[in-house]
Amino acid sequence: MSTYTLRIADSFSAASIPLARLAEYMTELAKLLGETQHVHLDDVAEGSVLLRAEVDLPAAPAVRRRVIAVRDGIGADEAMRAFSRLDDLLAHDNAVGQLLDGDGAEIIPFPGKTRPIPLSYGPFREEGTLEGEVVRIGGKDSTIHIQLRDGEKVYSGCATTKEIARRLAPHMLGPTVRLYGTGTWERLGDGTWELRSFRVSDFEVLEDVSLADAIAKLRAIPGNEWPSLPNPVETLLDERGSSTH
């Protein structure tokens, strides 16, 4: 049987760590180690918080390989996500951590609170467009606020004039629209861009055209070969090297 210990230092003690927080650490440690049917919590020791996990002998080589891969930055997706989540928990708790082997040697360091703070940039203003379904229009002054949904993403910082809002209102909860305007964007520390605000200057309603209708329109254009193709979709896929036939 082999042993791994997650050490949580410079923050809680075993007596002071909230039970719910302890459960979060335990959950992510289990994901990092893997082989969940063969990994058991042995102890929560005093001093720094020490979560000691015992690994059944048959699973020990697999867990060792998994841990080393995480250390080298090439671990399985779930294990790497667990490493990131553990480090996030430590940073939030103003702590640092280590994963130790049975001899007390460090295998994986967790910088936690000592990791560099990601830099954000902006905000930047530029003209652009947003597309989605209008789910809300409202406002009591000269500026009307619009909420736009594009799949799971919701843009809530859009604003426009009363005149544009009146024209847009009949399309609420209807077809996809494209909003034109000037957006204020900020680049976050993780590399993603976040929209702070978007001033709408105009819009257009986009047609929800089926594939069959789109092909019919293409066939109707004079001077192209689409009318002579028996199966234009398959031809298009063959040209792209994507056909399964």
C-alpha atoms as a PDB file:
ATOM      1  CA  MET A   1       0.000   0.000   0.000  1.00  0.00           C
ATOM      2  CA  SER A   2       1.313   3.459  -0.941  1.00  0.00           C
ATOM      3  CA  THR A   3       0.496   6.805   0.619  1.00  0.00           C
ATOM      4  CA  TYR A   4       0.064  10.346  -0.711  1.00  0.00           C
ATOM      5  CA  THR A   5      -0.432  13.427   1.424  1.00  0.00           C
ATOM      6  CA  LEU A   6      -1.851  16.785   0.383  1.00  0.00           C
ATOM      7  CA  ARG A   7      -0.352  19.440   2.652  1.00  0.00           C
ATOM      8  CA  ILE A   8      -2.309  22.707   3.008  1.00  0.00           C
ATOM      9  CA  ALA A   9      -0.036  25.264   4.650  1.00  0.00           C
ATOM     10  CA  ASP A  10      -0.136  28.880   5.866  1.00  0.00           C
ATOM     11  CA  SER A  11      -3.908  28.932   6.312  1.00  0.00           C
ATOM     12  CA  PHE A  12      -6.191  26.515   8.119  1.00  0.00           C
ATOM     13  CA  SER A  13      -5.448  23.930  10.764  1.00  0.00           C
ATOM     14  CA  ALA A  14      -7.208  20.589  10.913  1.00  0.00           C
ATOM     15  CA  ALA A  15      -9.389  22.012  13.680  1.00  0.00           C
ATOM     16  CA  SER A  16     -10.311  25.241  11.875  1.00  0.00           C
ATOM     17  CA  ILE A  17     -10.855  24.225   8.263  1.00  0.00           C
ATOM     18  CA  PRO A  18     -14.604  24.276   7.431  1.00  0.00           C
ATOM     19  CA  LEU A  19     -16.013  20.841   6.707  1.00  0.00           C
ATOM     20  CA  ALA A  20     -17.451  21.921   3.343  1.00  0.00           C
ATOM     21  CA  ARG A  21     -14.052  23.311   2.294  1.00  0.00           C
ATOM     22  CA  LEU A  22     -12.324  20.145   3.449  1.00  0.00           C
ATOM     23  CA  ALA A  23     -14.742  18.166   1.281  1.00  0.00           C
ATOM     24  CA  GLU A  24     -13.789  20.281  -1.758  1.00  0.00           C
ATOM     25  CA  TYR A  25     -10.101  19.557  -1.240  1.00  0.00           C
ATOM     26  CA  MET A  26     -10.812  15.855  -0.752  1.00  0.00           C
ATOM     27  CA  THR A  27     -12.909  15.695  -3.921  1.00  0.00           C
ATOM     28  CA  GLU A  28     -10.214  17.276  -6.087  1.00  0.00           C
ATOM     29  CA  LEU A  29      -7.476  15.158  -4.487  1.00  0.00           C
ATOM     30  CA  ALA A  30      -9.474  12.035  -5.379  1.00  0.00           C
ATOM     31  CA  LYS A  31      -9.763  13.235  -8.984  1.00  0.00           C
ATOM     32  CA  LEU A  32      -6.056  13.974  -9.165  1.00  0.00           C
ATOM     33  CA  LEU A  33      -5.061  10.547  -7.872  1.00  0.00           C
ATOM     34  CA  GLY A  34      -7.669   8.604  -9.860  1.00  0.00           C
ATOM     35  CA  GLU A  35      -8.395   4.898  -9.237  1.00  0.00           C
ATOM     36  CA  THR A  36     -11.146   6.050  -6.880  1.00  0.00           C
ATOM     37  CA  GLN A  37     -12.196   2.529  -5.895  1.00  0.00           C
ATOM     38  CA  HIS A  38      -8.710   1.889  -4.519  1.00  0.00           C
ATOM     39  CA  VAL A  39      -7.887   5.223  -2.858  1.00  0.00           C
ATOM     40  CA  HIS A  40      -9.025   5.813   0.733  1.00  0.00           C
ATOM     41  CA  LEU A  41      -8.719   8.708   3.188  1.00  0.00           C
ATOM     42  CA  ASP A  42      -6.399   7.572   5.966  1.00  0.00           C
ATOM     43  CA  ASP A  43      -6.150  10.661   8.182  1.00  0.00           C
ATOM     44  CA  VAL A  44      -6.467  14.430   8.513  1.00  0.00           C
ATOM     45  CA  ALA A  45      -3.436  15.342  10.570  1.00  0.00           C
ATOM     46  CA  GLU A  46      -2.819  18.446  12.713  1.00  0.00           C
ATOM     47  CA  GLY A  47      -0.340  21.270  12.218  1.00  0.00           C
ATOM     48  CA  SER A  48      -0.849  22.256   8.626  1.00  0.00           C
ATOM     49  CA  VAL A  49      -3.842  20.439   7.197  1.00  0.00           C
ATOM     50  CA  LEU A  50      -2.516  17.078   5.992  1.00  0.00           C
ATOM     51  CA  LEU A  51      -4.910  14.975   3.912  1.00  0.00           C
ATOM     52  CA  ARG A  52      -3.361  11.513   3.844  1.00  0.00           C
ATOM     53  CA  ALA A  53      -4.669   9.070   1.231  1.00  0.00           C
ATOM     54  CA  GLU A  54      -3.808   5.373   1.055  1.00  0.00           C
ATOM     55  CA  VAL A  55      -3.708   3.574  -2.283  1.00  0.00           C
ATOM     56  CA  ASP A  56      -4.387  -0.166  -2.479  1.00  0.00           C
ATOM     57  CA  LEU A  57      -1.408  -2.141  -3.776  1.00  0.00           C
ATOM     58  CA  PRO A  58      -2.971  -3.204  -7.139  1.00  0.00           C
ATOM     59  CA  ALA A  59      -3.635   0.449  -8.079  1.00  0.00           C
ATOM     60  CA  ALA A  60      -0.323   1.882  -6.813  1.00  0.00           C
ATOM     61  CA  PRO A  61       1.558   1.841 -10.178  1.00  0.00           C
ATOM     62  CA  ALA A  62      -1.328   3.499 -12.043  1.00  0.00           C
ATOM     63  CA  VAL A  63      -1.684   6.232  -9.419  1.00  0.00           C
ATOM     64  CA  ARG A  64       2.079   6.830  -9.422  1.00  0.00           C
ATOM     65  CA  ARG A  65       2.112   7.218 -13.225  1.00  0.00           C
ATOM     66  CA  ARG A  66      -0.864   9.583 -13.036  1.00  0.00           C
ATOM     67  CA  VAL A  67       0.738  11.766 -10.370  1.00  0.00           C
ATOM     68  CA  ILE A  68       4.079  11.981 -12.209  1.00  0.00           C
ATOM     69  CA  ALA A  69       2.263  12.940 -15.425  1.00  0.00           C
ATOM     70  CA  VAL A  70       0.493  15.769 -13.599  1.00  0.00           C
ATOM     71  CA  ARG A  71       3.828  16.929 -12.196  1.00  0.00           C
ATOM     72  CA  ASP A  72       5.248  16.985 -15.743  1.00  0.00           C
ATOM     73  CA  GLY A  73       2.223  18.861 -17.111  1.00  0.00           C
ATOM     74  CA  ILE A  74       1.091  16.004 -19.361  1.00  0.00           C
ATOM     75  CA  GLY A  75      -1.529  14.369 -17.142  1.00  0.00           C
ATOM     76  CA  ALA A  76      -5.011  13.225 -18.063  1.00  0.00           C
ATOM     77  CA  ASP A  77      -7.519  16.041 -18.542  1.00  0.00           C
ATOM     78  CA  GLU A  78      -9.439  15.254 -15.348  1.00  0.00           C
ATOM     79  CA  ALA A  79      -6.226  15.076 -13.318  1.00  0.00           C
ATOM     80  CA  MET A  80      -4.922  18.371 -14.720  1.00  0.00           C
ATOM     81  CA  ARG A  81      -8.248  20.064 -14.008  1.00  0.00           C
ATOM     82  CA  ALA A  82      -8.070  18.746 -10.440  1.00  0.00           C
ATOM     83  CA  PHE A  83      -4.547  20.169 -10.084  1.00  0.00           C
ATOM     84  CA  SER A  84      -5.771  23.585 -11.269  1.00  0.00           C
ATOM     85  CA  ARG A  85      -8.802  23.448  -9.012  1.00  0.00           C
ATOM     86  CA  LEU A  86      -6.684  22.533  -5.975  1.00  0.00           C
ATOM     87  CA  ASP A  87      -4.334  25.428  -6.700  1.00  0.00           C
ATOM     88  CA  ASP A  88      -7.328  27.766  -7.085  1.00  0.00           C
ATOM     89  CA  LEU A  89      -8.687  26.631  -3.720  1.00  0.00           C
ATOM     90  CA  LEU A  90      -5.316  27.221  -2.077  1.00  0.00           C
ATOM     91  CA  ALA A  91      -4.975  30.678  -3.649  1.00  0.00           C
ATOM     92  CA  HIS A  92      -8.477  31.619  -2.505  1.00  0.00           C
ATOM     93  CA  ASP A  93      -7.670  30.402   1.020  1.00  0.00           C
ATOM     94  CA  ASN A  94      -4.384  32.352   1.087  1.00  0.00           C
ATOM     95  CA  ALA A  95      -2.491  29.078   1.340  1.00  0.00           C
ATOM     96  CA  VAL A  96       0.181  27.046  -0.425  1.00  0.00           C
ATOM     97  CA  GLY A  97       0.371  23.289  -0.765  1.00  0.00           C
ATOM     98  CA  GLN A  98       2.326  20.192  -1.665  1.00  0.00           C
ATOM     99  CA  LEU A  99       1.565  16.642  -2.701  1.00  0.00           C
ATOM    100  CA  LEU A 100       3.965  14.408  -0.788  1.00  0.00           C
ATOM    101  CA  ASP A 101       4.790  10.736  -1.236  1.00  0.00           C
ATOM    102  CA  GLY A 102       4.935   8.180   1.542  1.00  0.00           C
ATOM    103  CA  ASP A 103       8.476   9.223   2.489  1.00  0.00           C
ATOM    104  CA  GLY A 104       7.468  12.875   2.803  1.00  0.00           C
ATOM    105  CA  ALA A 105       9.204  13.940  -0.423  1.00  0.00           C
ATOM    106  CA  GLU A 106       7.479  16.580  -2.528  1.00  0.00           C
ATOM    107  CA  ILE A 107       6.051  15.311  -5.822  1.00  0.00           C
ATOM    108  CA  ILE A 108       3.863  18.238  -6.885  1.00  0.00           C
ATOM    109  CA  PRO A 109       4.134  21.797  -5.549  1.00  0.00           C
ATOM    110  CA  PHE A 110       1.007  23.979  -5.446  1.00  0.00           C
ATOM    111  CA  PRO A 111       1.993  27.671  -5.501  1.00  0.00           C
ATOM    112  CA  GLY A 112      -1.468  28.810  -4.397  1.00  0.00           C
ATOM    113  CA  LYS A 113      -1.232  32.338  -2.966  1.00  0.00           C
ATOM    114  CA  THR A 114       2.344  32.774  -4.265  1.00  0.00           C
ATOM    115  CA  ARG A 115       1.517  32.294  -7.951  1.00  0.00           C
ATOM    116  CA  PRO A 116       1.817  35.355 -10.207  1.00  0.00           C
ATOM    117  CA  ILE A 117      -1.352  37.425 -10.485  1.00  0.00           C
ATOM    118  CA  PRO A 118      -2.629  37.297 -14.100  1.00  0.00           C
ATOM    119  CA  LEU A 119      -2.638  40.635 -15.863  1.00  0.00           C
ATOM    120  CA  SER A 120      -5.751  42.048 -17.489  1.00  0.00           C
ATOM    121  CA  TYR A 121      -5.712  44.591 -20.304  1.00  0.00           C
ATOM    122  CA  GLY A 122      -8.120  47.243 -21.398  1.00  0.00           C
ATOM    123  CA  PRO A 123     -10.765  48.243 -21.653  1.00  0.00           C
ATOM    124  CA  PHE A 124     -10.613  48.724 -25.425  1.00  0.00           C
ATOM    125  CA  ARG A 125     -13.289  50.327 -27.597  1.00  0.00           C
ATOM    126  CA  GLU A 126     -13.936  49.177 -31.147  1.00  0.00           C
ATOM    127  CA  GLU A 127     -16.733  48.892 -33.653  1.00  0.00           C
ATOM    128  CA  GLY A 128     -18.172  45.442 -34.157  1.00  0.00           C
ATOM    129  CA  THR A 129     -21.249  43.239 -34.182  1.00  0.00           C
ATOM    130  CA  LEU A 130     -23.084  40.865 -31.862  1.00  0.00           C
ATOM    131  CA  GLU A 131     -25.522  38.164 -32.940  1.00  0.00           C
ATOM    132  CA  GLY A 132     -28.215  36.371 -30.989  1.00  0.00           C
ATOM    133  CA  GLU A 133     -31.804  36.384 -29.808  1.00  0.00           C
ATOM    134  CA  VAL A 134     -33.179  39.486 -28.110  1.00  0.00           C
ATOM    135  CA  VAL A 135     -34.547  38.336 -24.739  1.00  0.00           C
ATOM    136  CA  ARG A 136     -35.131  41.669 -23.016  1.00  0.00           C
ATOM    137  CA  ILE A 137     -35.637  45.346 -23.859  1.00  0.00           C
ATOM    138  CA  GLY A 138     -36.184  47.887 -21.112  1.00  0.00           C
ATOM    139  CA  GLY A 139     -35.326  51.242 -19.611  1.00  0.00           C
ATOM    140  CA  LYS A 140     -36.947  54.358 -18.180  1.00  0.00           C
ATOM    141  CA  ASP A 141     -34.692  57.109 -19.534  1.00  0.00           C
ATOM    142  CA  SER A 142     -33.331  57.998 -22.962  1.00  0.00           C
ATOM    143  CA  THR A 143     -31.035  54.947 -22.914  1.00  0.00           C
ATOM    144  CA  ILE A 144     -32.740  51.603 -23.508  1.00  0.00           C
ATOM    145  CA  HIS A 145     -31.020  48.423 -22.374  1.00  0.00           C
ATOM    146  CA  ILE A 146     -31.012  45.214 -24.410  1.00  0.00           C
ATOM    147  CA  GLN A 147     -30.212  41.670 -23.361  1.00  0.00           C
ATOM    148  CA  LEU A 148     -29.019  39.352 -26.130  1.00  0.00           C
ATOM    149  CA  ARG A 149     -28.614  35.576 -25.901  1.00  0.00           C
ATOM    150  CA  ASP A 150     -26.275  33.602 -28.148  1.00  0.00           C
ATOM    151  CA  GLY A 151     -26.563  29.956 -27.093  1.00  0.00           C
ATOM    152  CA  GLU A 152     -25.430  29.763 -23.467  1.00  0.00           C
ATOM    153  CA  LYS A 153     -23.795  33.197 -23.598  1.00  0.00           C
ATOM    154  CA  VAL A 154     -25.833  36.233 -22.549  1.00  0.00           C
ATOM    155  CA  TYR A 155     -24.816  39.818 -23.352  1.00  0.00           C
ATOM    156  CA  SER A 156     -26.427  42.158 -20.838  1.00  0.00           C
ATOM    157  CA  GLY A 157     -24.409  45.342 -21.352  1.00  0.00           C
ATOM    158  CA  CYS A 158     -26.060  46.468 -24.589  1.00  0.00           C
ATOM    159  CA  ALA A 159     -27.767  49.865 -24.843  1.00  0.00           C
ATOM    160  CA  THR A 160     -29.397  51.888 -27.599  1.00  0.00           C
ATOM    161  CA  THR A 161     -31.813  54.744 -28.333  1.00  0.00           C
ATOM    162  CA  LYS A 162     -35.579  54.656 -27.987  1.00  0.00           C
ATOM    163  CA  GLU A 163     -36.011  54.809 -31.768  1.00  0.00           C
ATOM    164  CA  ILE A 164     -33.841  51.713 -32.401  1.00  0.00           C
ATOM    165  CA  ALA A 165     -35.447  49.926 -29.450  1.00  0.00           C
ATOM    166  CA  ARG A 166     -38.940  50.493 -30.937  1.00  0.00           C
ATOM    167  CA  ARG A 167     -37.787  48.992 -34.232  1.00  0.00           C
ATOM    168  CA  LEU A 168     -36.133  46.073 -32.458  1.00  0.00           C
ATOM    169  CA  ALA A 169     -39.042  45.284 -30.110  1.00  0.00           C
ATOM    170  CA  PRO A 170     -41.143  43.260 -32.623  1.00  0.00           C
ATOM    171  CA  HIS A 171     -38.235  40.835 -32.989  1.00  0.00           C
ATOM    172  CA  MET A 172     -37.866  40.074 -29.257  1.00  0.00           C
ATOM    173  CA  LEU A 173     -37.814  36.310 -28.587  1.00  0.00           C
ATOM    174  CA  GLY A 174     -37.872  35.860 -32.337  1.00  0.00           C
ATOM    175  CA  PRO A 175     -35.310  35.419 -35.101  1.00  0.00           C
ATOM    176  CA  THR A 176     -31.584  35.943 -34.737  1.00  0.00           C
ATOM    177  CA  VAL A 177     -30.532  39.562 -35.075  1.00  0.00           C
ATOM    178  CA  ARG A 178     -27.164  41.164 -35.729  1.00  0.00           C
ATOM    179  CA  LEU A 179     -26.465  44.279 -33.670  1.00  0.00           C
ATOM    180  CA  TYR A 180     -24.046  46.878 -35.031  1.00  0.00           C
ATOM    181  CA  GLY A 181     -22.283  49.266 -32.694  1.00  0.00           C
ATOM    182  CA  THR A 182     -19.258  50.073 -30.555  1.00  0.00           C
ATOM    183  CA  GLY A 183     -18.177  47.702 -27.838  1.00  0.00           C
ATOM    184  CA  THR A 184     -15.942  48.109 -24.806  1.00  0.00           C
ATOM    185  CA  TRP A 185     -13.906  44.944 -24.221  1.00  0.00           C
ATOM    186  CA  GLU A 186     -11.444  43.833 -21.538  1.00  0.00           C
ATOM    187  CA  ARG A 187      -8.887  41.040 -21.857  1.00  0.00           C
ATOM    188  CA  LEU A 188      -8.860  38.990 -18.650  1.00  0.00           C
ATOM    189  CA  GLY A 189      -5.876  37.302 -17.087  1.00  0.00           C
ATOM    190  CA  ASP A 190      -6.874  33.890 -18.466  1.00  0.00           C
ATOM    191  CA  GLY A 191      -6.772  35.226 -22.041  1.00  0.00           C
ATOM    192  CA  THR A 192     -10.525  35.483 -22.580  1.00  0.00           C
ATOM    193  CA  TRP A 193     -12.267  38.681 -23.692  1.00  0.00           C
ATOM    194  CA  GLU A 194     -15.165  40.069 -21.708  1.00  0.00           C
ATOM    195  CA  LEU A 195     -17.672  42.571 -23.052  1.00  0.00           C
ATOM    196  CA  ARG A 196     -18.219  45.477 -20.675  1.00  0.00           C
ATOM    197  CA  SER A 197     -20.696  47.469 -22.753  1.00  0.00           C
ATOM    198  CA  PHE A 198     -22.021  47.710 -26.300  1.00  0.00           C
ATOM    199  CA  ARG A 199     -23.701  50.796 -27.782  1.00  0.00           C
ATOM    200  CA  VAL A 200     -26.052  49.681 -30.561  1.00  0.00           C
ATOM    201  CA  SER A 201     -26.244  51.983 -33.587  1.00  0.00           C
ATOM    202  CA  ASP A 202     -28.281  49.714 -35.897  1.00  0.00           C
ATOM    203  CA  PHE A 203     -29.370  46.123 -36.432  1.00  0.00           C
ATOM    204  CA  GLU A 204     -30.554  43.651 -39.032  1.00  0.00           C
ATOM    205  CA  VAL A 205     -32.698  40.539 -38.795  1.00  0.00           C
ATOM    206  CA  LEU A 206     -30.940  37.413 -40.031  1.00  0.00           C
ATOM    207  CA  GLU A 207     -32.843  34.856 -42.036  1.00  0.00           C
ATOM    208  CA  ASP A 208     -33.214  31.411 -40.516  1.00  0.00           C
ATOM    209  CA  VAL A 209     -32.702  29.557 -43.807  1.00  0.00           C
ATOM    210  CA  SER A 210     -32.695  25.768 -43.930  1.00  0.00           C
ATOM    211  CA  LEU A 211     -29.960  23.920 -45.826  1.00  0.00           C
ATOM    212  CA  ALA A 212     -32.459  22.869 -48.498  1.00  0.00           C
ATOM    213  CA  ASP A 213     -33.581  26.469 -49.028  1.00  0.00           C
ATOM    214  CA  ALA A 214     -29.975  27.672 -49.170  1.00  0.00           C
ATOM    215  CA  ILE A 215     -29.139  25.089 -51.838  1.00  0.00           C
ATOM    216  CA  ALA A 216     -32.246  26.074 -53.811  1.00  0.00           C
ATOM    217  CA  LYS A 217     -31.118  29.702 -53.778  1.00  0.00           C
ATOM    218  CA  LEU A 218     -27.635  28.719 -54.950  1.00  0.00           C
ATOM    219  CA  ARG A 219     -29.082  26.651 -57.791  1.00  0.00           C
ATOM    220  CA  ALA A 220     -31.121  29.653 -58.875  1.00  0.00           C
ATOM    221  CA  ILE A 221     -28.021  31.821 -59.408  1.00  0.00           C
ATOM    222  CA  PRO A 222     -27.251  32.011 -63.167  1.00  0.00           C
ATOM    223  CA  GLY A 223     -23.904  30.783 -64.428  1.00  0.00           C
ATOM    224  CA  ASN A 224     -22.979  28.202 -61.783  1.00  0.00           C
ATOM    225  CA  GLU A 225     -22.838  24.402 -61.875  1.00  0.00           C
ATOM    226  CA  TRP A 226     -25.072  23.746 -58.855  1.00  0.00           C
ATOM    227  CA  PRO A 227     -28.228  23.071 -60.948  1.00  0.00           C
ATOM    228  CA  SER A 228     -26.483  20.107 -62.622  1.00  0.00           C
ATOM    229  CA  LEU A 229     -25.283  18.454 -59.413  1.00  0.00           C
ATOM    230  CA  PRO A 230     -27.480  15.517 -58.281  1.00  0.00           C
ATOM    231  CA  ASN A 231     -26.233  15.736 -54.687  1.00  0.00           C
ATOM    232  CA  PRO A 232     -24.603  19.122 -54.034  1.00  0.00           C
ATOM    233  CA  VAL A 233     -24.083  18.499 -50.295  1.00  0.00           C
ATOM    234  CA  GLU A 234     -22.101  15.314 -50.918  1.00  0.00           C
ATOM    235  CA  THR A 235     -20.109  17.063 -53.644  1.00  0.00           C
ATOM    236  CA  LEU A 236     -19.249  19.876 -51.252  1.00  0.00           C
ATOM    237  CA  LEU A 237     -18.140  17.420 -48.581  1.00  0.00           C
ATOM    238  CA  ASP A 238     -16.035  15.472 -51.110  1.00  0.00           C
ATOM    239  CA  GLU A 239     -14.282  18.683 -52.142  1.00  0.00           C
ATOM    240  CA  ARG A 240     -13.471  19.358 -48.484  1.00  0.00           C
ATOM    241  CA  GLY A 241     -12.351  15.769 -47.910  1.00  0.00           C
ATOM    242  CA  SER A 242     -15.106  15.311 -45.310  1.00  0.00           C
ATOM    243  CA  SER A 243     -17.456  12.858 -46.993  1.00  0.00           C
ATOM    244  CA  THR A 244     -17.895   9.482 -45.314  1.00  0.00           C
ATOM    245  CA  HIS A 245     -18.937   7.818 -48.593  1.00  0.00           C
END
